[in-house]
PDB file of N, CA and C in Angstrom:
ATOM      1  N   MET A   1      -4.411  -8.143  23.122  1.00  0.00           N
ATOM      2  CA  MET A   1      -2.623  -8.376  23.118  1.00  0.00           C
ATOM      3  C   MET A   1      -2.288  -7.266  22.319  1.00  0.00           C
ATOM      4  N   THR A   2      -1.804  -5.891  21.813  1.00  0.00           N
ATOM      5  CA  THR A   2      -1.407  -5.302  20.762  1.00  0.00           C
ATOM      6  C   THR A   2      -0.870  -5.834  20.011  1.00  0.00           C
ATOM      7  N   LYS A   3      -0.936  -5.826  18.928  1.00  0.00           N
ATOM      8  CA  LYS A   3      -0.024  -6.280  17.589  1.00  0.00           C
ATOM      9  C   LYS A   3       1.862  -4.935  17.858  1.00  0.00           C
ATOM     10  N   LYS A   4       2.638  -5.807  17.515  1.00  0.00           N
ATOM     11  CA  LYS A   4       4.100  -6.154  17.756  1.00  0.00           C
ATOM     12  C   LYS A   4       3.996  -4.730  16.730  1.00  0.00           C
ATOM     13  N   ARG A   5       4.299  -2.655  16.806  1.00  0.00           N
ATOM     14  CA  ARG A   5       5.095  -2.564  15.739  1.00  0.00           C
ATOM     15  C   ARG A   5       5.914  -1.268  15.539  1.00  0.00           C
ATOM     16  N   PRO A   6       6.927  -1.676  14.993  1.00  0.00           N
ATOM     17  CA  PRO A   6       7.867  -0.877  14.872  1.00  0.00           C
ATOM     18  C   PRO A   6       7.594   0.593  15.359  1.00  0.00           C
ATOM     19  N   LEU A   7       8.000   1.286  15.479  1.00  0.00           N
ATOM     20  CA  LEU A   7       7.706   2.552  16.421  1.00  0.00           C
ATOM     21  C   LEU A   7       9.292   3.770  14.936  1.00  0.00           C
ATOM     22  N   VAL A   8       8.923   4.770  14.305  1.00  0.00           N
ATOM     23  CA  VAL A   8       9.847   5.031  13.231  1.00  0.00           C
ATOM     24  C   VAL A   8       9.283   7.047  12.937  1.00  0.00           C
ATOM     25  N   VAL A   9      10.127   7.207  12.599  1.00  0.00           N
ATOM     26  CA  VAL A   9      10.317   7.968  12.540  1.00  0.00           C
ATOM     27  C   VAL A   9      10.021   8.696  10.682  1.00  0.00           C
ATOM     28  N   ILE A  10       9.179   9.526  10.438  1.00  0.00           N
ATOM     29  CA  ILE A  10       9.004  10.153   9.049  1.00  0.00           C
ATOM     30  C   ILE A  10       9.633  11.026   8.929  1.00  0.00           C
ATOM     31  N   THR A  11      10.654  11.606   7.871  1.00  0.00           N
ATOM     32  CA  THR A  11      10.314  12.849   7.691  1.00  0.00           C
ATOM     33  C   THR A  11      10.568  13.041   6.212  1.00  0.00           C
ATOM     34  N   TRP A  12       9.253  13.761   6.168  1.00  0.00           N
ATOM     35  CA  TRP A  12       8.085  14.015   4.155  1.00  0.00           C
ATOM     36  C   TRP A  12       8.031  15.626   3.924  1.00  0.00           C
ATOM     37  N   VAL A  13       8.246  15.668   3.113  1.00  0.00           N
ATOM     38  CA  VAL A  13       7.904  17.260   2.550  1.00  0.00           C
ATOM     39  C   VAL A  13       5.079  17.119   1.982  1.00  0.00           C
ATOM     40  N   ASP A  14       5.324  18.463   2.854  1.00  0.00           N
ATOM     41  CA  ASP A  14       4.015  18.270   2.135  1.00  0.00           C
ATOM     42  C   ASP A  14       3.670  19.455   1.853  1.00  0.00           C
ATOM     43  N   THR A  15       2.651  19.748   0.761  1.00  0.00           N
ATOM     44  CA  THR A  15       2.125  21.082   0.319  1.00  0.00           C
ATOM     45  C   THR A  15       2.206  22.177   1.546  1.00  0.00           C
ATOM     46  N   THR A  16       2.492  23.396   1.067  1.00  0.00           N
ATOM     47  CA  THR A  16       2.473  24.599   2.079  1.00  0.00           C
ATOM     48  C   THR A  16       2.005  25.907   1.006  1.00  0.00           C
ATOM     49  N   SER A  17       1.254  26.636   1.192  1.00  0.00           N
ATOM     50  CA  SER A  17       0.759  27.772   1.184  1.00  0.00           C
ATOM     51  C   SER A  17       0.429  28.701   2.048  1.00  0.00           C
ATOM     52  N   PHE A  18       1.199  30.243   0.447  1.00  0.00           N
ATOM     53  CA  PHE A  18       1.308  31.501   1.618  1.00  0.00           C
ATOM     54  C   PHE A  18      -0.134  32.589   1.020  1.00  0.00           C
ATOM     55  N   THR A  19      -0.327  33.008   2.160  1.00  0.00           N
ATOM     56  CA  THR A  19      -1.636  33.466   1.754  1.00  0.00           C
ATOM     57  C   THR A  19      -1.756  35.384   1.827  1.00  0.00           C
ATOM     58  N   THR A  20       0.338  35.469   1.550  1.00  0.00           N
ATOM     59  CA  THR A  20      -0.118  37.254   1.405  1.00  0.00           C
ATOM     60  C   THR A  20       0.252  37.387  -0.032  1.00  0.00           C
ATOM     61  N   TRP A  21      -0.301  38.912   0.045  1.00  0.00           N
ATOM     62  CA  TRP A  21       0.854  39.538  -1.262  1.00  0.00           C
ATOM     63  C   TRP A  21       1.905  39.135  -1.532  1.00  0.00           C
ATOM     64  N   GLN A  22       3.125  38.601  -2.761  1.00  0.00           N
ATOM     65  CA  GLN A  22       3.953  38.521  -2.674  1.00  0.00           C
ATOM     66  C   GLN A  22       4.608  39.026  -3.845  1.00  0.00           C
ATOM     67  N   ASP A  23       6.020  39.590  -4.003  1.00  0.00           N
ATOM     68  CA  ASP A  23       7.054  39.908  -5.305  1.00  0.00           C
ATOM     69  C   ASP A  23       7.939  38.417  -6.253  1.00  0.00           C
ATOM     70  N   ASP A  24       7.135  38.619  -7.514  1.00  0.00           N
ATOM     71  CA  ASP A  24       8.320  37.350  -7.365  1.00  0.00           C
ATOM     72  C   ASP A  24       9.711  36.620  -7.199  1.00  0.00           C
ATOM     73  N   ALA A  25      10.683  38.090  -6.675  1.00  0.00           N
ATOM     74  CA  ALA A  25      11.286  37.364  -5.370  1.00  0.00           C
ATOM     75  C   ALA A  25      11.650  36.561  -4.404  1.00  0.00           C
ATOM     76  N   ALA A  26       9.841  36.937  -3.827  1.00  0.00           N
ATOM     77  CA  ALA A  26       9.972  36.091  -2.495  1.00  0.00           C
ATOM     78  C   ALA A  26       9.200  34.741  -3.030  1.00  0.00           C
ATOM     79  N   ILE A  27       8.590  34.795  -3.753  1.00  0.00           N
ATOM     80  CA  ILE A  27       8.456  33.867  -4.120  1.00  0.00           C
ATOM     81  C   ILE A  27       8.931  32.858  -4.978  1.00  0.00           C
ATOM     82  N   THR A  28      10.156  32.604  -5.283  1.00  0.00           N
ATOM     83  CA  THR A  28      10.806  31.758  -6.039  1.00  0.00           C
ATOM     84  C   THR A  28      11.610  31.453  -4.866  1.00  0.00           C
ATOM     85  N   GLU A  29      11.849  31.852  -4.006  1.00  0.00           N
ATOM     86  CA  GLU A  29      12.498  32.534  -1.721  1.00  0.00           C
ATOM     87  C   GLU A  29      11.684  30.515  -1.153  1.00  0.00           C
ATOM     88  N   LYS A  30      10.650  31.302  -1.635  1.00  0.00           N
ATOM     89  CA  LYS A  30       9.310  29.585  -1.308  1.00  0.00           C
ATOM     90  C   LYS A  30       9.675  28.792  -1.269  1.00  0.00           C
ATOM     91  N   GLU A  31       9.953  26.972  -0.286  1.00  0.00           N
ATOM     92  CA  GLU A  31      10.425  25.799  -0.236  1.00  0.00           C
ATOM     93  C   GLU A  31       8.677  24.916   0.184  1.00  0.00           C
ATOM     94  N   MET A  32       8.819  23.831   0.156  1.00  0.00           N
ATOM     95  CA  MET A  32       7.771  23.230   0.851  1.00  0.00           C
ATOM     96  C   MET A  32       7.724  23.092   2.220  1.00  0.00           C
ATOM     97  N   ALA A  33       7.308  22.936   3.275  1.00  0.00           N
ATOM     98  CA  ALA A  33       7.398  21.964   4.418  1.00  0.00           C
ATOM     99  C   ALA A  33       7.527  20.883   4.512  1.00  0.00           C
ATOM    100  N   THR A  34       8.616  20.927   5.988  1.00  0.00           N
ATOM    101  CA  THR A  34       9.585  19.913   6.197  1.00  0.00           C
ATOM    102  C   THR A  34       9.135  18.592   6.932  1.00  0.00           C
ATOM    103  N   ILE A  35       7.807  17.892   7.098  1.00  0.00           N
ATOM    104  CA  ILE A  35       7.413  17.513   8.216  1.00  0.00           C
ATOM    105  C   ILE A  35       8.399  16.437   9.271  1.00  0.00           C
ATOM    106  N   THR A  36       8.313  15.672  10.157  1.00  0.00           N
ATOM    107  CA  THR A  36       8.604  15.146  10.665  1.00  0.00           C
ATOM    108  C   THR A  36       7.486  14.475  11.492  1.00  0.00           C
ATOM    109  N   THR A  37       6.902  13.301  11.765  1.00  0.00           N
ATOM    110  CA  THR A  37       6.059  12.649  12.265  1.00  0.00           C
ATOM    111  C   THR A  37       6.022  10.959  12.773  1.00  0.00           C
ATOM    112  N   VAL A  38       6.148  10.988  14.551  1.00  0.00           N
ATOM    113  CA  VAL A  38       6.533   9.621  14.532  1.00  0.00           C
ATOM    114  C   VAL A  38       4.983   8.868  15.105  1.00  0.00           C
ATOM    115  N   GLY A  39       5.308   7.520  14.792  1.00  0.00           N
ATOM    116  CA  GLY A  39       4.074   6.822  14.913  1.00  0.00           C
ATOM    117  C   GLY A  39       4.827   5.285  14.855  1.00  0.00           C
ATOM    118  N   TYR A  40       3.674   4.135  14.577  1.00  0.00           N
ATOM    119  CA  TYR A  40       4.114   3.257  14.801  1.00  0.00           C
ATOM    120  C   TYR A  40       3.826   2.267  12.893  1.00  0.00           C
ATOM    121  N   LEU A  41       4.376   2.084  12.646  1.00  0.00           N
ATOM    122  CA  LEU A  41       4.365   1.457  11.157  1.00  0.00           C
ATOM    123  C   LEU A  41       2.533   0.293  10.993  1.00  0.00           C
ATOM    124  N   VAL A  42       2.429   0.398  10.469  1.00  0.00           N
ATOM    125  CA  VAL A  42       1.431  -0.590   9.981  1.00  0.00           C
ATOM    126  C   VAL A  42       1.516  -1.476   8.761  1.00  0.00           C
ATOM    127  N   ALA A  43       1.656  -0.219   7.810  1.00  0.00           N
ATOM    128  CA  ALA A  43       2.272  -1.033   6.258  1.00  0.00           C
ATOM    129  C   ALA A  43       3.044   0.292   5.312  1.00  0.00           C
ATOM    130  N   THR A  44       3.719  -0.584   4.192  1.00  0.00           N
ATOM    131  CA  THR A  44       3.779   0.648   3.760  1.00  0.00           C
ATOM    132  C   THR A  44       3.568  -0.322   2.567  1.00  0.00           C
ATOM    133  N   THR A  45       2.862   0.738   1.650  1.00  0.00           N
ATOM    134  CA  THR A  45       1.646   0.123   0.076  1.00  0.00           C
ATOM    135  C   THR A  45       3.036   0.654  -0.795  1.00  0.00           C
ATOM    136  N   ARG A  46       2.364   0.299  -2.183  1.00  0.00           N
ATOM    137  CA  ARG A  46       2.836   0.948  -3.019  1.00  0.00           C
ATOM    138  C   ARG A  46       3.061   2.306  -3.821  1.00  0.00           C
ATOM    139  N   LYS A  47       2.079   2.973  -3.292  1.00  0.00           N
ATOM    140  CA  LYS A  47       1.390   4.360  -3.043  1.00  0.00           C
ATOM    141  C   LYS A  47       1.113   4.977  -1.698  1.00  0.00           C
ATOM    142  N   ASP A  48       1.244   4.399  -0.288  1.00  0.00           N
ATOM    143  CA  ASP A  48       2.203   5.263   0.362  1.00  0.00           C
ATOM    144  C   ASP A  48       2.329   4.331   2.118  1.00  0.00           C
ATOM    145  N   VAL A  49       2.835   4.856   3.201  1.00  0.00           N
ATOM    146  CA  VAL A  49       3.082   4.704   4.216  1.00  0.00           C
ATOM    147  C   VAL A  49       1.995   4.942   5.762  1.00  0.00           C
ATOM    148  N   ARG A  50       1.833   3.764   6.571  1.00  0.00           N
ATOM    149  CA  ARG A  50       0.759   4.230   6.908  1.00  0.00           C
ATOM    150  C   ARG A  50       1.435   4.497   8.473  1.00  0.00           C
ATOM    151  N   ILE A  51       1.417   4.550   9.019  1.00  0.00           N
ATOM    152  CA  ILE A  51       1.225   5.178  10.513  1.00  0.00           C
ATOM    153  C   ILE A  51       0.069   4.634  11.633  1.00  0.00           C
ATOM    154  N   VAL A  52       0.569   4.572  12.705  1.00  0.00           N
ATOM    155  CA  VAL A  52      -0.637   4.756  14.040  1.00  0.00           C
ATOM    156  C   VAL A  52       0.096   5.409  14.740  1.00  0.00           C
ATOM    157  N   ARG A  53      -0.862   6.526  15.184  1.00  0.00           N
ATOM    158  CA  ARG A  53      -0.213   7.396  16.083  1.00  0.00           C
ATOM    159  C   ARG A  53      -0.757   7.056  17.824  1.00  0.00           C
ATOM    160  N   SER A  54      -1.513   6.273  17.608  1.00  0.00           N
ATOM    161  CA  SER A  54      -2.066   5.518  19.406  1.00  0.00           C
ATOM    162  C   SER A  54      -2.519   3.485  19.473  1.00  0.00           C
ATOM    163  N   MET A  55      -2.304   3.040  19.824  1.00  0.00           N
ATOM    164  CA  MET A  55      -2.894   1.452  19.859  1.00  0.00           C
ATOM    165  C   MET A  55      -2.987   1.512  21.813  1.00  0.00           C
ATOM    166  N   ALA A  56      -4.445   0.577  21.221  1.00  0.00           N
ATOM    167  CA  ALA A  56      -4.870   0.523  22.843  1.00  0.00           C
ATOM    168  C   ALA A  56      -4.519  -0.978  22.973  1.00  0.00           C
ATOM    169  N   SER A  57      -4.242  -1.328  24.413  1.00  0.00           N
ATOM    170  CA  SER A  57      -4.218  -2.983  24.435  1.00  0.00           C
ATOM    171  C   SER A  57      -4.863  -3.849  24.116  1.00  0.00           C
ATOM    172  N   ASP A  58      -6.276  -3.865  23.958  1.00  0.00           N
ATOM    173  CA  ASP A  58      -7.227  -4.473  23.307  1.00  0.00           C
ATOM    174  C   ASP A  58      -6.686  -4.305  21.855  1.00  0.00           C
ATOM    175  N   GLY A  59      -5.984  -4.183  21.029  1.00  0.00           N
ATOM    176  CA  GLY A  59      -5.377  -4.473  19.777  1.00  0.00           C
ATOM    177  C   GLY A  59      -6.071  -3.111  18.700  1.00  0.00           C
ATOM    178  N   GLY A  60      -7.039  -2.220  19.669  1.00  0.00           N
ATOM    179  CA  GLY A  60      -7.004  -1.196  18.625  1.00  0.00           C
ATOM    180  C   GLY A  60      -6.612  -0.189  18.525  1.00  0.00           C
ATOM    181  N   ILE A  61      -6.901   0.156  17.378  1.00  0.00           N
ATOM    182  CA  ILE A  61      -5.259   1.300  16.987  1.00  0.00           C
ATOM    183  C   ILE A  61      -6.420   2.530  16.624  1.00  0.00           C
ATOM    184  N   GLY A  62      -5.660   3.947  16.500  1.00  0.00           N
ATOM    185  CA  GLY A  62      -5.617   5.182  16.096  1.00  0.00           C
ATOM    186  C   GLY A  62      -5.654   6.167  15.770  1.00  0.00           C
ATOM    187  N   ASP A  63      -5.894   7.069  15.293  1.00  0.00           N
ATOM    188  CA  ASP A  63      -4.922   7.606  14.493  1.00  0.00           C
ATOM    189  C   ASP A  63      -4.135   8.020  13.322  1.00  0.00           C
ATOM    190  N   LEU A  64      -4.520   6.570  12.310  1.00  0.00           N
ATOM    191  CA  LEU A  64      -4.289   6.727  11.719  1.00  0.00           C
ATOM    192  C   LEU A  64      -4.117   7.548   9.605  1.00  0.00           C
ATOM    193  N   MET A  65      -2.714   7.281  10.088  1.00  0.00           N
ATOM    194  CA  MET A  65      -2.559   8.630   8.948  1.00  0.00           C
ATOM    195  C   MET A  65      -1.557   7.723   8.216  1.00  0.00           C
ATOM    196  N   LEU A  66      -2.208   8.259   6.246  1.00  0.00           N
ATOM    197  CA  LEU A  66      -1.621   7.417   5.687  1.00  0.00           C
ATOM    198  C   LEU A  66      -0.711   9.457   4.172  1.00  0.00           C
ATOM    199  N   ILE A  67       1.120   9.084   4.588  1.00  0.00           N
ATOM    200  CA  ILE A  67       1.459   9.648   3.897  1.00  0.00           C
ATOM    201  C   ILE A  67       2.206   9.431   2.341  1.00  0.00           C
ATOM    202  N   PRO A  68       1.449  10.056   1.609  1.00  0.00           N
ATOM    203  CA  PRO A  68       1.773   9.439   0.057  1.00  0.00           C
ATOM    204  C   PRO A  68       3.631   9.299   0.070  1.00  0.00           C
ATOM    205  N   LYS A  69       3.612   8.100  -0.887  1.00  0.00           N
ATOM    206  CA  LYS A  69       4.757   7.792  -0.504  1.00  0.00           C
ATOM    207  C   LYS A  69       6.337   8.808  -1.571  1.00  0.00           C
ATOM    208  N   ALA A  70       5.287   9.653  -2.243  1.00  0.00           N
ATOM    209  CA  ALA A  70       6.278  10.232  -2.838  1.00  0.00           C
ATOM    210  C   ALA A  70       6.654  11.159  -2.148  1.00  0.00           C
ATOM    211  N   CYS A  71       6.265  11.621  -1.350  1.00  0.00           N
ATOM    212  CA  CYS A  71       7.369  12.602  -0.166  1.00  0.00           C
ATOM    213  C   CYS A  71       7.735  12.339   0.930  1.00  0.00           C
ATOM    214  N   VAL A  72       7.426  11.294   1.307  1.00  0.00           N
ATOM    215  CA  VAL A  72       8.745  10.399   1.578  1.00  0.00           C
ATOM    216  C   VAL A  72      10.336  10.631   1.349  1.00  0.00           C
ATOM    217  N   LEU A  73      10.937  11.835   3.020  1.00  0.00           N
ATOM    218  CA  LEU A  73      12.365  11.400   2.147  1.00  0.00           C
ATOM    219  C   LEU A  73      13.190  10.603   2.580  1.00  0.00           C
ATOM    220  N   LYS A  74      12.140  10.027   4.125  1.00  0.00           N
ATOM    221  CA  LYS A  74      13.272   9.049   5.087  1.00  0.00           C
ATOM    222  C   LYS A  74      12.714   8.438   6.063  1.00  0.00           C
ATOM    223  N   ILE A  75      12.747   7.169   6.207  1.00  0.00           N
ATOM    224  CA  ILE A  75      11.887   6.366   7.110  1.00  0.00           C
ATOM    225  C   ILE A  75      13.033   5.814   8.422  1.00  0.00           C
ATOM    226  N   LYS A  76      13.122   5.998   9.967  1.00  0.00           N
ATOM    227  CA  LYS A  76      13.915   5.892  10.225  1.00  0.00           C
ATOM    228  C   LYS A  76      13.617   5.082  11.700  1.00  0.00           C
ATOM    229  N   LYS A  77      13.912   4.051  11.849  1.00  0.00           N
ATOM    230  CA  LYS A  77      13.113   2.913  12.950  1.00  0.00           C
ATOM    231  C   LYS A  77      14.076   3.163  14.476  1.00  0.00           C
ATOM    232  N   VAL A  78      12.742   3.786  15.180  1.00  0.00           N
ATOM    233  CA  VAL A  78      13.062   4.044  16.638  1.00  0.00           C
ATOM    234  C   VAL A  78      13.622   2.562  17.388  1.00  0.00           C
ATOM    235  N   ARG A  79      12.786   1.672  17.287  1.00  0.00           N
ATOM    236  CA  ARG A  79      12.435   0.459  17.867  1.00  0.00           C
ATOM    237  C   ARG A  79      11.688  -0.696  17.684  1.00  0.00           C
ATOM    238  N   SER A  80      11.760  -1.645  18.031  1.00  0.00           N
ATOM    239  CA  SER A  80      11.229  -2.840  17.103  1.00  0.00           C
ATOM    240  C   SER A  80       9.386  -2.915  17.990  1.00  0.00           C
TER     241      SER A  80
END
């Protein structure tokens, strides 16, 4: 039986790189990427938020993702 975990939508910022030549004006206009990730909340630690994106009926979990807590902007619970 799969352990019940809340489904959440996490909005967070990620590192972003730009590999083309740019001038100073263009550089000051750049921003980090804002990411939206959906998954089942496993745990929140002092350092990160842990979600999985796949759960099997036998209790197995897959696609574990650790998002640094300092990067998280918002966590919205979709359902329990």
